[in-house]
Amino acid sequence: MSLGENLQYLRKKENITQEQLAEQLDVSRQSVSKWESDTTYPEMNTLLQLCRMFHCSMDDLVQGNIHDINIEGKTEYDVHMNLFSKLISLGVGIILFGISFMSLLYGINYFISTGAEVIKEDFANMIFLIFVTIGTAILIVIGIQHSNFINKNQLIENFYTQKEVDSFNKKFSVMIAAGVSLILIGVILLLGSESIYPQISSNEYLESLIMSLFMLFVSIAVMILIYACIQKSKYNIEEYNKAMDKESNTYKREKLKNTINGCIMLLSTIIYLFLSSRSGNFGMPYCMTFAVGGICCCIASIIVNYKKD
């Protein structure tokens, strides 16, 4: 590999822009750009400074293969991304399971109560908030771990073989089909039960039970879909590297998406707390503000992705 290729690799790996590197070396950004394109070469003093900065020898920098020397371990990346996809899907699934379980408690209450509430509404709401707390804690922990990982691994070698990618793509199609099918089964359950038994809308026990089953199907489906999508992105290392390059449009687009989605979910939380505190009901239907917020995040991400590089 050439000096320019090695320098560009090391700069991106350390998450340094051309401007930042130029400032540290007390040269112009154009000089760094020319070095990376192998148009010109730095002076000896600058080469020594680069070697100290990136902890490499001059031979490796000038005529070595930094890619091979600094290649990230496949096991570390693979293990982290597998854990990340599992915990993200688990955290979201636990929150959705909370809605399902809360609906089930309401149904049990309507079924066995005889004029008085057997299961207090506040207790059901508390159970839901426990699910939300656990799910949110998992998302926060794995989110911080993932942020630390990508800060330490700004550039990943594409070590997956085409056979591995093709093998996953087959599993991916099955997982997507399974997730969509579960959601459709839940919708059929909602619509079909009311068609077969029109009185269900007046039976609070059956209505809560059907809603609980529907949310159970949705919870499992969402977990499968989230896991499948994150695993899909795991194999797209080229896109990962683009997203880590602060000078690329992909990085700017991802940063914009994260900012917008964070604001949407923060606004959803504020609306949920405001409505719930005023009514004294922290369960249904106000918890659906999170579902609406999630849909808005998806729409916002789609809109941002339409912006071309």
C-alpha atoms as a PDB file:
ATOM      1  CA  MET A   1       0.000   0.000   0.000  1.00  0.00           C
ATOM      2  CA  SER A   2       1.082   3.594  -0.618  1.00  0.00           C
ATOM      3  CA  LEU A   3       1.802   6.263   1.973  1.00  0.00           C
ATOM      4  CA  GLY A   4      -1.413   8.068   1.059  1.00  0.00           C
ATOM      5  CA  GLU A   5      -3.567   4.975   1.559  1.00  0.00           C
ATOM      6  CA  ASN A   6      -1.919   4.165   4.887  1.00  0.00           C
ATOM      7  CA  LEU A   7      -2.275   7.744   6.098  1.00  0.00           C
ATOM      8  CA  GLN A   8      -5.937   7.917   5.125  1.00  0.00           C
ATOM      9  CA  TYR A   9      -6.612   4.599   6.856  1.00  0.00           C
ATOM     10  CA  LEU A  10      -4.919   5.695  10.082  1.00  0.00           C
ATOM     11  CA  ARG A  11      -6.634   9.089  10.092  1.00  0.00           C
ATOM     12  CA  LYS A  12     -10.096   7.565   9.681  1.00  0.00           C
ATOM     13  CA  LYS A  13      -9.325   4.864  12.215  1.00  0.00           C
ATOM     14  CA  GLU A  14      -8.524   7.554  14.789  1.00  0.00           C
ATOM     15  CA  ASN A  15     -11.625   9.520  13.735  1.00  0.00           C
ATOM     16  CA  ILE A  16      -9.611  12.588  12.735  1.00  0.00           C
ATOM     17  CA  THR A  17     -10.581  14.910   9.903  1.00  0.00           C
ATOM     18  CA  GLN A  18      -8.082  16.315   7.431  1.00  0.00           C
ATOM     19  CA  GLU A  19      -8.471  19.734   9.055  1.00  0.00           C
ATOM     20  CA  GLN A  20      -7.749  18.340  12.528  1.00  0.00           C
ATOM     21  CA  LEU A  21      -4.683  16.436  11.323  1.00  0.00           C
ATOM     22  CA  ALA A  22      -3.416  19.503   9.486  1.00  0.00           C
ATOM     23  CA  GLU A  23      -3.841  21.597  12.616  1.00  0.00           C
ATOM     24  CA  GLN A  24      -1.888  19.107  14.740  1.00  0.00           C
ATOM     25  CA  LEU A  25       0.916  19.025  12.171  1.00  0.00           C
ATOM     26  CA  ASP A  26       0.808  22.801  11.601  1.00  0.00           C
ATOM     27  CA  VAL A  27       0.249  22.427   7.855  1.00  0.00           C
ATOM     28  CA  SER A  28      -2.626  23.233   5.503  1.00  0.00           C
ATOM     29  CA  ARG A  29      -5.537  20.894   4.870  1.00  0.00           C
ATOM     30  CA  GLN A  30      -4.584  20.885   1.188  1.00  0.00           C
ATOM     31  CA  SER A  31      -1.197  19.432   2.121  1.00  0.00           C
ATOM     32  CA  VAL A  32      -2.858  16.521   3.956  1.00  0.00           C
ATOM     33  CA  SER A  33      -5.183  15.984   0.983  1.00  0.00           C
ATOM     34  CA  LYS A  34      -2.207  15.859  -1.401  1.00  0.00           C
ATOM     35  CA  TRP A  35      -0.413  13.364   0.849  1.00  0.00           C
ATOM     36  CA  GLU A  36      -3.433  11.067   0.906  1.00  0.00           C
ATOM     37  CA  SER A  37      -3.767  11.225  -2.875  1.00  0.00           C
ATOM     38  CA  ASP A  38      -0.006  10.526  -3.233  1.00  0.00           C
ATOM     39  CA  THR A  39       0.442  13.803  -5.128  1.00  0.00           C
ATOM     40  CA  THR A  40       3.135  15.025  -2.734  1.00  0.00           C
ATOM     41  CA  TYR A  41       4.952  13.569   0.273  1.00  0.00           C
ATOM     42  CA  PRO A  42       5.546  15.040   3.732  1.00  0.00           C
ATOM     43  CA  GLU A  43       8.973  16.089   4.923  1.00  0.00           C
ATOM     44  CA  MET A  44      11.061  13.844   7.150  1.00  0.00           C
ATOM     45  CA  ASN A  45      10.203  15.729  10.352  1.00  0.00           C
ATOM     46  CA  THR A  46       6.501  15.469   9.514  1.00  0.00           C
ATOM     47  CA  LEU A  47       6.845  11.735   8.804  1.00  0.00           C
ATOM     48  CA  LEU A  48       8.426  11.215  12.214  1.00  0.00           C
ATOM     49  CA  GLN A  49       5.621  13.220  13.806  1.00  0.00           C
ATOM     50  CA  LEU A  50       3.030  11.080  12.010  1.00  0.00           C
ATOM     51  CA  CYS A  51       4.722   7.895  13.223  1.00  0.00           C
ATOM     52  CA  ARG A  52       4.623   9.108  16.809  1.00  0.00           C
ATOM     53  CA  MET A  53       1.031  10.235  16.446  1.00  0.00           C
ATOM     54  CA  PHE A  54      -0.235   6.926  15.022  1.00  0.00           C
ATOM     55  CA  HIS A  55       2.197   4.663  16.941  1.00  0.00           C
ATOM     56  CA  CYS A  56       3.694   3.003  13.882  1.00  0.00           C
ATOM     57  CA  SER A  57       7.128   2.676  12.307  1.00  0.00           C
ATOM     58  CA  MET A  58       8.205   4.708   9.297  1.00  0.00           C
ATOM     59  CA  ASP A  59       8.629   1.561   7.210  1.00  0.00           C
ATOM     60  CA  ASP A  60       5.048   0.526   7.947  1.00  0.00           C
ATOM     61  CA  LEU A  61       3.730   4.005   7.199  1.00  0.00           C
ATOM     62  CA  VAL A  62       5.638   4.549   3.967  1.00  0.00           C
ATOM     63  CA  GLN A  63       5.668   1.117   2.365  1.00  0.00           C
ATOM     64  CA  GLY A  64       3.849  -1.283   4.679  1.00  0.00           C
ATOM     65  CA  ASN A  65       0.255  -2.493   4.722  1.00  0.00           C
ATOM     66  CA  ILE A  66      -1.385  -0.739   7.648  1.00  0.00           C
ATOM     67  CA  HIS A  67      -4.646  -2.510   6.855  1.00  0.00           C
ATOM     68  CA  ASP A  68      -3.102  -5.870   7.737  1.00  0.00           C
ATOM     69  CA  ILE A  69      -1.120  -4.522  10.669  1.00  0.00           C
ATOM     70  CA  ASN A  70      -4.089  -2.758  12.259  1.00  0.00           C
ATOM     71  CA  ILE A  71      -6.900  -5.042  11.173  1.00  0.00           C
ATOM     72  CA  GLU A  72      -9.593  -5.253  13.807  1.00  0.00           C
ATOM     73  CA  GLY A  73     -10.336  -8.636  15.256  1.00  0.00           C
ATOM     74  CA  LYS A  74     -13.341 -10.262  13.621  1.00  0.00           C
ATOM     75  CA  THR A  75     -14.333 -11.939  16.868  1.00  0.00           C
ATOM     76  CA  GLU A  76     -14.527  -8.668  18.823  1.00  0.00           C
ATOM     77  CA  TYR A  77     -16.676  -6.938  16.187  1.00  0.00           C
ATOM     78  CA  ASP A  78     -18.899  -9.956  15.603  1.00  0.00           C
ATOM     79  CA  VAL A  79     -19.484 -10.601  19.308  1.00  0.00           C
ATOM     80  CA  HIS A  80     -20.259  -6.948  19.997  1.00  0.00           C
ATOM     81  CA  MET A  81     -22.717  -6.579  17.107  1.00  0.00           C
ATOM     82  CA  ASN A  82     -24.471  -9.825  18.048  1.00  0.00           C
ATOM     83  CA  LEU A  83     -24.851  -8.634  21.642  1.00  0.00           C
ATOM     84  CA  PHE A  84     -25.968  -5.190  20.452  1.00  0.00           C
ATOM     85  CA  SER A  85     -28.691  -6.591  18.187  1.00  0.00           C
ATOM     86  CA  LYS A  86     -29.962  -8.965  20.888  1.00  0.00           C
ATOM     87  CA  LEU A  87     -30.135  -6.370  23.665  1.00  0.00           C
ATOM     88  CA  ILE A  88     -31.684  -3.645  21.499  1.00  0.00           C
ATOM     89  CA  SER A  89     -34.451  -6.009  20.373  1.00  0.00           C
ATOM     90  CA  LEU A  90     -34.842  -7.283  23.956  1.00  0.00           C
ATOM     91  CA  GLY A  91     -35.131  -3.771  25.408  1.00  0.00           C
ATOM     92  CA  VAL A  92     -37.817  -2.722  22.929  1.00  0.00           C
ATOM     93  CA  GLY A  93     -39.575  -6.085  23.313  1.00  0.00           C
ATOM     94  CA  ILE A  94     -39.759  -5.763  27.114  1.00  0.00           C
ATOM     95  CA  ILE A  95     -41.469  -2.368  26.809  1.00  0.00           C
ATOM     96  CA  LEU A  96     -44.026  -3.787  24.366  1.00  0.00           C
ATOM     97  CA  PHE A  97     -44.495  -6.858  26.562  1.00  0.00           C
ATOM     98  CA  GLY A  98     -45.379  -4.440  29.346  1.00  0.00           C
ATOM     99  CA  ILE A  99     -48.343  -3.173  27.318  1.00  0.00           C
ATOM    100  CA  SER A 100     -49.452  -6.755  26.640  1.00  0.00           C
ATOM    101  CA  PHE A 101     -49.164  -7.752  30.301  1.00  0.00           C
ATOM    102  CA  MET A 102     -50.989  -4.636  31.458  1.00  0.00           C
ATOM    103  CA  SER A 103     -53.900  -5.402  29.101  1.00  0.00           C
ATOM    104  CA  LEU A 104     -53.970  -8.941  30.463  1.00  0.00           C
ATOM    105  CA  LEU A 105     -54.220  -7.630  34.046  1.00  0.00           C
ATOM    106  CA  TYR A 106     -57.107  -5.383  33.036  1.00  0.00           C
ATOM    107  CA  GLY A 107     -58.847  -8.389  31.478  1.00  0.00           C
ATOM    108  CA  ILE A 108     -58.338 -10.526  34.578  1.00  0.00           C
ATOM    109  CA  ASN A 109     -59.687  -7.716  36.700  1.00  0.00           C
ATOM    110  CA  TYR A 110     -62.863  -7.438  34.613  1.00  0.00           C
ATOM    111  CA  PHE A 111     -63.280 -11.225  34.592  1.00  0.00           C
ATOM    112  CA  ILE A 112     -63.082 -11.965  38.319  1.00  0.00           C
ATOM    113  CA  SER A 113     -64.267  -8.693  39.811  1.00  0.00           C
ATOM    114  CA  THR A 114     -67.757  -8.477  41.216  1.00  0.00           C
ATOM    115  CA  GLY A 115     -68.360  -4.818  41.577  1.00  0.00           C
ATOM    116  CA  ALA A 116     -64.968  -4.054  43.139  1.00  0.00           C
ATOM    117  CA  GLU A 117     -61.563  -4.014  41.491  1.00  0.00           C
ATOM    118  CA  VAL A 118     -59.581  -7.129  42.354  1.00  0.00           C
ATOM    119  CA  ILE A 119     -56.483  -5.828  40.611  1.00  0.00           C
ATOM    120  CA  LYS A 120     -56.131  -2.122  41.200  1.00  0.00           C
ATOM    121  CA  GLU A 121     -55.577   0.029  38.119  1.00  0.00           C
ATOM    122  CA  ASP A 122     -52.621   1.698  39.817  1.00  0.00           C
ATOM    123  CA  PHE A 123     -51.012  -1.718  40.288  1.00  0.00           C
ATOM    124  CA  ALA A 124     -51.373  -2.527  36.591  1.00  0.00           C
ATOM    125  CA  ASN A 125     -49.883   0.850  35.716  1.00  0.00           C
ATOM    126  CA  MET A 126     -47.003   0.220  38.106  1.00  0.00           C
ATOM    127  CA  ILE A 127     -46.277  -3.136  36.453  1.00  0.00           C
ATOM    128  CA  PHE A 128     -46.202  -1.421  33.061  1.00  0.00           C
ATOM    129  CA  LEU A 129     -43.768   1.227  34.346  1.00  0.00           C
ATOM    130  CA  ILE A 130     -41.528  -1.543  35.707  1.00  0.00           C
ATOM    131  CA  PHE A 131     -41.391  -3.101  32.227  1.00  0.00           C
ATOM    132  CA  VAL A 132     -40.619   0.339  30.746  1.00  0.00           C
ATOM    133  CA  THR A 133     -37.874   0.946  33.317  1.00  0.00           C
ATOM    134  CA  ILE A 134     -36.186  -2.409  32.660  1.00  0.00           C
ATOM    135  CA  GLY A 135     -36.420  -2.026  28.890  1.00  0.00           C
ATOM    136  CA  THR A 136     -35.132   1.549  28.979  1.00  0.00           C
ATOM    137  CA  ALA A 137     -32.221   0.586  31.253  1.00  0.00           C
ATOM    138  CA  ILE A 138     -31.172  -2.150  28.822  1.00  0.00           C
ATOM    139  CA  LEU A 139     -31.331   0.281  25.881  1.00  0.00           C
ATOM    140  CA  ILE A 140     -29.261   2.894  27.738  1.00  0.00           C
ATOM    141  CA  VAL A 141     -26.551   0.424  28.801  1.00  0.00           C
ATOM    142  CA  ILE A 142     -26.111  -1.185  25.388  1.00  0.00           C
ATOM    143  CA  GLY A 143     -26.338   2.224  23.716  1.00  0.00           C
ATOM    144  CA  ILE A 144     -23.410   3.533  25.771  1.00  0.00           C
ATOM    145  CA  GLN A 145     -21.433   0.337  25.145  1.00  0.00           C
ATOM    146  CA  HIS A 146     -22.054   0.613  21.408  1.00  0.00           C
ATOM    147  CA  SER A 147     -21.012   4.268  21.408  1.00  0.00           C
ATOM    148  CA  ASN A 148     -17.767   3.374  23.187  1.00  0.00           C
ATOM    149  CA  PHE A 149     -17.133   0.548  20.724  1.00  0.00           C
ATOM    150  CA  ILE A 150     -17.532   2.663  17.596  1.00  0.00           C
ATOM    151  CA  ASN A 151     -15.377   5.412  19.106  1.00  0.00           C
ATOM    152  CA  LYS A 152     -12.570   2.870  19.487  1.00  0.00           C
ATOM    153  CA  ASN A 153     -13.229   1.194  16.123  1.00  0.00           C
ATOM    154  CA  GLN A 154     -13.708   3.931  13.562  1.00  0.00           C
ATOM    155  CA  LEU A 155     -12.681   1.713  10.656  1.00  0.00           C
ATOM    156  CA  ILE A 156     -13.415  -1.998  10.269  1.00  0.00           C
ATOM    157  CA  GLU A 157     -11.926  -4.320   7.695  1.00  0.00           C
ATOM    158  CA  ASN A 158     -14.457  -6.137   5.534  1.00  0.00           C
ATOM    159  CA  PHE A 159     -13.586  -9.628   6.755  1.00  0.00           C
ATOM    160  CA  TYR A 160     -16.912 -11.339   5.959  1.00  0.00           C
ATOM    161  CA  THR A 161     -16.821 -13.681   3.003  1.00  0.00           C
ATOM    162  CA  GLN A 162     -19.483 -13.649   0.314  1.00  0.00           C
ATOM    163  CA  LYS A 163     -20.547 -17.102   1.466  1.00  0.00           C
ATOM    164  CA  GLU A 164     -21.224 -15.785   4.973  1.00  0.00           C
ATOM    165  CA  VAL A 165     -23.192 -12.833   3.587  1.00  0.00           C
ATOM    166  CA  ASP A 166     -25.267 -15.053   1.308  1.00  0.00           C
ATOM    167  CA  SER A 167     -25.979 -17.450   4.171  1.00  0.00           C
ATOM    168  CA  PHE A 168     -27.253 -14.616   6.362  1.00  0.00           C
ATOM    169  CA  ASN A 169     -29.363 -13.131   3.550  1.00  0.00           C
ATOM    170  CA  LYS A 170     -31.339 -16.372   3.428  1.00  0.00           C
ATOM    171  CA  LYS A 171     -31.964 -16.201   7.176  1.00  0.00           C
ATOM    172  CA  PHE A 172     -32.789 -12.492   6.859  1.00  0.00           C
ATOM    173  CA  SER A 173     -35.631 -13.122   4.421  1.00  0.00           C
ATOM    174  CA  VAL A 174     -37.064 -15.772   6.737  1.00  0.00           C
ATOM    175  CA  MET A 175     -36.893 -13.472   9.778  1.00  0.00           C
ATOM    176  CA  ILE A 176     -38.568 -10.595   7.917  1.00  0.00           C
ATOM    177  CA  ALA A 177     -41.306 -12.910   6.677  1.00  0.00           C
ATOM    178  CA  ALA A 178     -41.821 -14.284  10.200  1.00  0.00           C
ATOM    179  CA  GLY A 179     -42.036 -10.803  11.759  1.00  0.00           C
ATOM    180  CA  VAL A 180     -44.506  -9.497   9.188  1.00  0.00           C
ATOM    181  CA  SER A 181     -46.576 -12.689   9.455  1.00  0.00           C
ATOM    182  CA  LEU A 182     -46.870 -12.340  13.237  1.00  0.00           C
ATOM    183  CA  ILE A 183     -48.112  -8.773  12.884  1.00  0.00           C
ATOM    184  CA  LEU A 184     -50.663  -9.859  10.286  1.00  0.00           C
ATOM    185  CA  ILE A 185     -51.804 -12.688  12.564  1.00  0.00           C
ATOM    186  CA  GLY A 186     -52.346 -10.139  15.321  1.00  0.00           C
ATOM    187  CA  VAL A 187     -54.372  -7.905  12.982  1.00  0.00           C
ATOM    188  CA  ILE A 188     -56.429 -10.881  11.824  1.00  0.00           C
ATOM    189  CA  LEU A 189     -57.034 -11.773  15.470  1.00  0.00           C
ATOM    190  CA  LEU A 190     -58.315  -8.267  16.192  1.00  0.00           C
ATOM    191  CA  LEU A 191     -60.539  -7.987  13.144  1.00  0.00           C
ATOM    192  CA  GLY A 192     -61.627 -11.613  13.023  1.00  0.00           C
ATOM    193  CA  SER A 193     -62.627 -11.883  16.666  1.00  0.00           C
ATOM    194  CA  GLU A 194     -64.958  -8.911  16.380  1.00  0.00           C
ATOM    195  CA  SER A 195     -66.463 -10.264  13.163  1.00  0.00           C
ATOM    196  CA  ILE A 196     -67.107 -13.683  14.670  1.00  0.00           C
ATOM    197  CA  TYR A 197     -68.244 -12.328  18.029  1.00  0.00           C
ATOM    198  CA  PRO A 198     -69.669  -8.768  17.570  1.00  0.00           C
ATOM    199  CA  GLN A 199     -70.466  -8.505  21.291  1.00  0.00           C
ATOM    200  CA  ILE A 200     -66.765  -8.514  22.099  1.00  0.00           C
ATOM    201  CA  SER A 201     -66.680  -4.704  22.132  1.00  0.00           C
ATOM    202  CA  SER A 202     -69.095  -4.738  25.081  1.00  0.00           C
ATOM    203  CA  ASN A 203     -67.194  -7.473  26.933  1.00  0.00           C
ATOM    204  CA  GLU A 204     -64.275  -5.739  28.632  1.00  0.00           C
ATOM    205  CA  TYR A 205     -62.650  -9.020  29.649  1.00  0.00           C
ATOM    206  CA  LEU A 206     -62.549 -10.431  26.106  1.00  0.00           C
ATOM    207  CA  GLU A 207     -61.583  -7.080  24.628  1.00  0.00           C
ATOM    208  CA  SER A 208     -58.611  -6.755  26.996  1.00  0.00           C
ATOM    209  CA  LEU A 209     -57.619 -10.371  26.369  1.00  0.00           C
ATOM    210  CA  ILE A 210     -57.660  -9.902  22.592  1.00  0.00           C
ATOM    211  CA  MET A 211     -55.633  -6.690  22.913  1.00  0.00           C
ATOM    212  CA  SER A 212     -53.142  -8.510  25.133  1.00  0.00           C
ATOM    213  CA  LEU A 213     -52.704 -11.279  22.556  1.00  0.00           C
ATOM    214  CA  PHE A 214     -52.376  -8.722  19.765  1.00  0.00           C
ATOM    215  CA  MET A 215     -49.614  -6.856  21.611  1.00  0.00           C
ATOM    216  CA  LEU A 216     -47.906 -10.169  22.370  1.00  0.00           C
ATOM    217  CA  PHE A 217     -47.729 -10.965  18.653  1.00  0.00           C
ATOM    218  CA  VAL A 218     -46.559  -7.419  17.908  1.00  0.00           C
ATOM    219  CA  SER A 219     -43.881  -7.598  20.621  1.00  0.00           C
ATOM    220  CA  ILE A 220     -42.396 -10.806  19.258  1.00  0.00           C
ATOM    221  CA  ALA A 221     -42.606  -9.510  15.689  1.00  0.00           C
ATOM    222  CA  VAL A 222     -40.862  -6.231  16.506  1.00  0.00           C
ATOM    223  CA  MET A 223     -38.078  -8.062  18.334  1.00  0.00           C
ATOM    224  CA  ILE A 224     -37.501 -10.309  15.320  1.00  0.00           C
ATOM    225  CA  LEU A 225     -37.542  -7.385  12.868  1.00  0.00           C
ATOM    226  CA  ILE A 226     -35.162  -5.239  14.926  1.00  0.00           C
ATOM    227  CA  TYR A 227     -32.751  -8.141  15.397  1.00  0.00           C
ATOM    228  CA  ALA A 228     -32.842  -8.956  11.678  1.00  0.00           C
ATOM    229  CA  CYS A 229     -32.212  -5.352  10.602  1.00  0.00           C
ATOM    230  CA  ILE A 230     -29.279  -4.814  12.984  1.00  0.00           C
ATOM    231  CA  GLN A 231     -27.754  -8.123  11.918  1.00  0.00           C
ATOM    232  CA  LYS A 232     -28.182  -7.024   8.297  1.00  0.00           C
ATOM    233  CA  SER A 233     -26.277  -3.814   8.998  1.00  0.00           C
ATOM    234  CA  LYS A 234     -23.541  -5.842  10.723  1.00  0.00           C
ATOM    235  CA  TYR A 235     -22.542  -7.373   7.412  1.00  0.00           C
ATOM    236  CA  ASN A 236     -22.560  -3.998   5.610  1.00  0.00           C
ATOM    237  CA  ILE A 237     -19.131  -2.923   6.836  1.00  0.00           C
ATOM    238  CA  GLU A 238     -18.667  -0.528   3.923  1.00  0.00           C
ATOM    239  CA  GLU A 239     -21.644   1.523   5.105  1.00  0.00           C
ATOM    240  CA  TYR A 240     -20.329   1.340   8.690  1.00  0.00           C
ATOM    241  CA  ASN A 241     -17.005   2.827   7.601  1.00  0.00           C
ATOM    242  CA  LYS A 242     -18.747   5.595   5.653  1.00  0.00           C
ATOM    243  CA  ALA A 243     -20.849   6.441   8.693  1.00  0.00           C
ATOM    244  CA  MET A 244     -17.669   6.764  10.780  1.00  0.00           C
ATOM    245  CA  ASP A 245     -16.001   9.189   8.363  1.00  0.00           C
ATOM    246  CA  LYS A 246     -16.872  12.690   9.602  1.00  0.00           C
ATOM    247  CA  GLU A 247     -16.242  14.106   6.143  1.00  0.00           C
ATOM    248  CA  SER A 248     -18.733  11.816   4.406  1.00  0.00           C
ATOM    249  CA  ASN A 249     -22.356  12.631   3.707  1.00  0.00           C
ATOM    250  CA  THR A 250     -23.298   9.305   5.284  1.00  0.00           C
ATOM    251  CA  TYR A 251     -21.899  10.471   8.638  1.00  0.00           C
ATOM    252  CA  LYS A 252     -23.771  13.769   8.415  1.00  0.00           C
ATOM    253  CA  ARG A 253     -26.988  11.979   7.449  1.00  0.00           C
ATOM    254  CA  GLU A 254     -26.727   9.513  10.339  1.00  0.00           C
ATOM    255  CA  LYS A 255     -25.994  12.329  12.781  1.00  0.00           C
ATOM    256  CA  LEU A 256     -29.064  14.229  11.514  1.00  0.00           C
ATOM    257  CA  LYS A 257     -31.252  11.123  11.827  1.00  0.00           C
ATOM    258  CA  ASN A 258     -30.091  10.437  15.372  1.00  0.00           C
ATOM    259  CA  THR A 259     -30.734  14.039  16.383  1.00  0.00           C
ATOM    260  CA  ILE A 260     -34.236  14.099  14.900  1.00  0.00           C
ATOM    261  CA  ASN A 261     -35.190  10.700  16.325  1.00  0.00           C
ATOM    262  CA  GLY A 262     -33.872  11.647  19.750  1.00  0.00           C
ATOM    263  CA  CYS A 263     -35.967  14.827  19.741  1.00  0.00           C
ATOM    264  CA  ILE A 264     -39.066  12.892  18.634  1.00  0.00           C
ATOM    265  CA  MET A 265     -38.766  10.303  21.405  1.00  0.00           C
ATOM    266  CA  LEU A 266     -38.022  13.010  23.981  1.00  0.00           C
ATOM    267  CA  LEU A 267     -41.150  14.866  22.869  1.00  0.00           C
ATOM    268  CA  SER A 268     -43.150  11.604  23.059  1.00  0.00           C
ATOM    269  CA  THR A 269     -41.964  11.081  26.636  1.00  0.00           C
ATOM    270  CA  ILE A 270     -42.914  14.631  27.602  1.00  0.00           C
ATOM    271  CA  ILE A 271     -46.391  14.236  26.075  1.00  0.00           C
ATOM    272  CA  TYR A 272     -46.846  10.854  27.796  1.00  0.00           C
ATOM    273  CA  LEU A 273     -45.843  12.192  31.229  1.00  0.00           C
ATOM    274  CA  PHE A 274     -48.006  15.299  30.810  1.00  0.00           C
ATOM    275  CA  LEU A 275     -51.157  13.419  29.798  1.00  0.00           C
ATOM    276  CA  SER A 276     -50.619  10.614  32.319  1.00  0.00           C
ATOM    277  CA  SER A 277     -49.984  12.957  35.249  1.00  0.00           C
ATOM    278  CA  ARG A 278     -53.099  14.967  34.483  1.00  0.00           C
ATOM    279  CA  SER A 279     -55.339  11.902  34.265  1.00  0.00           C
ATOM    280  CA  GLY A 280     -53.573   9.805  36.915  1.00  0.00           C
ATOM    281  CA  ASN A 281     -53.455   6.895  34.456  1.00  0.00           C
ATOM    282  CA  PHE A 282     -49.959   5.823  33.400  1.00  0.00           C
ATOM    283  CA  GLY A 283     -51.158   2.931  31.270  1.00  0.00           C
ATOM    284  CA  MET A 284     -53.437   2.706  28.270  1.00  0.00           C
ATOM    285  CA  PRO A 285     -54.080   4.675  26.126  1.00  0.00           C
ATOM    286  CA  TYR A 286     -51.315   7.199  26.809  1.00  0.00           C
ATOM    287  CA  CYS A 287     -48.519   4.634  26.496  1.00  0.00           C
ATOM    288  CA  MET A 288     -49.367   4.512  22.788  1.00  0.00           C
ATOM    289  CA  THR A 289     -47.568   7.861  22.445  1.00  0.00           C
ATOM    290  CA  PHE A 290     -44.342   5.815  22.354  1.00  0.00           C
ATOM    291  CA  ALA A 291     -45.693   3.745  19.461  1.00  0.00           C
ATOM    292  CA  VAL A 292     -46.639   6.934  17.614  1.00  0.00           C
ATOM    293  CA  GLY A 293     -43.185   8.333  18.356  1.00  0.00           C
ATOM    294  CA  GLY A 294     -41.559   5.189  16.968  1.00  0.00           C
ATOM    295  CA  ILE A 295     -43.586   5.481  13.752  1.00  0.00           C
ATOM    296  CA  CYS A 296     -42.585   9.159  13.441  1.00  0.00           C
ATOM    297  CA  CYS A 297     -38.933   8.136  13.868  1.00  0.00           C
ATOM    298  CA  CYS A 298     -39.257   5.643  11.010  1.00  0.00           C
ATOM    299  CA  ILE A 299     -40.871   8.281   8.780  1.00  0.00           C
ATOM    300  CA  ALA A 300     -38.167  10.816   9.645  1.00  0.00           C
ATOM    301  CA  SER A 301     -35.420   8.273   8.905  1.00  0.00           C
ATOM    302  CA  ILE A 302     -36.949   7.467   5.523  1.00  0.00           C
ATOM    303  CA  ILE A 303     -37.166  11.166   4.622  1.00  0.00           C
ATOM    304  CA  VAL A 304     -33.555  11.826   5.658  1.00  0.00           C
ATOM    305  CA  ASN A 305     -32.346   8.769   3.718  1.00  0.00           C
ATOM    306  CA  TYR A 306     -33.801  10.248   0.536  1.00  0.00           C
ATOM    307  CA  LYS A 307     -31.123  12.927   0.691  1.00  0.00           C
ATOM    308  CA  LYS A 308     -28.509  11.771  -1.811  1.00  0.00           C
ATOM    309  CA  ASP A 309     -24.761  11.898  -1.207  1.00  0.00           C
END
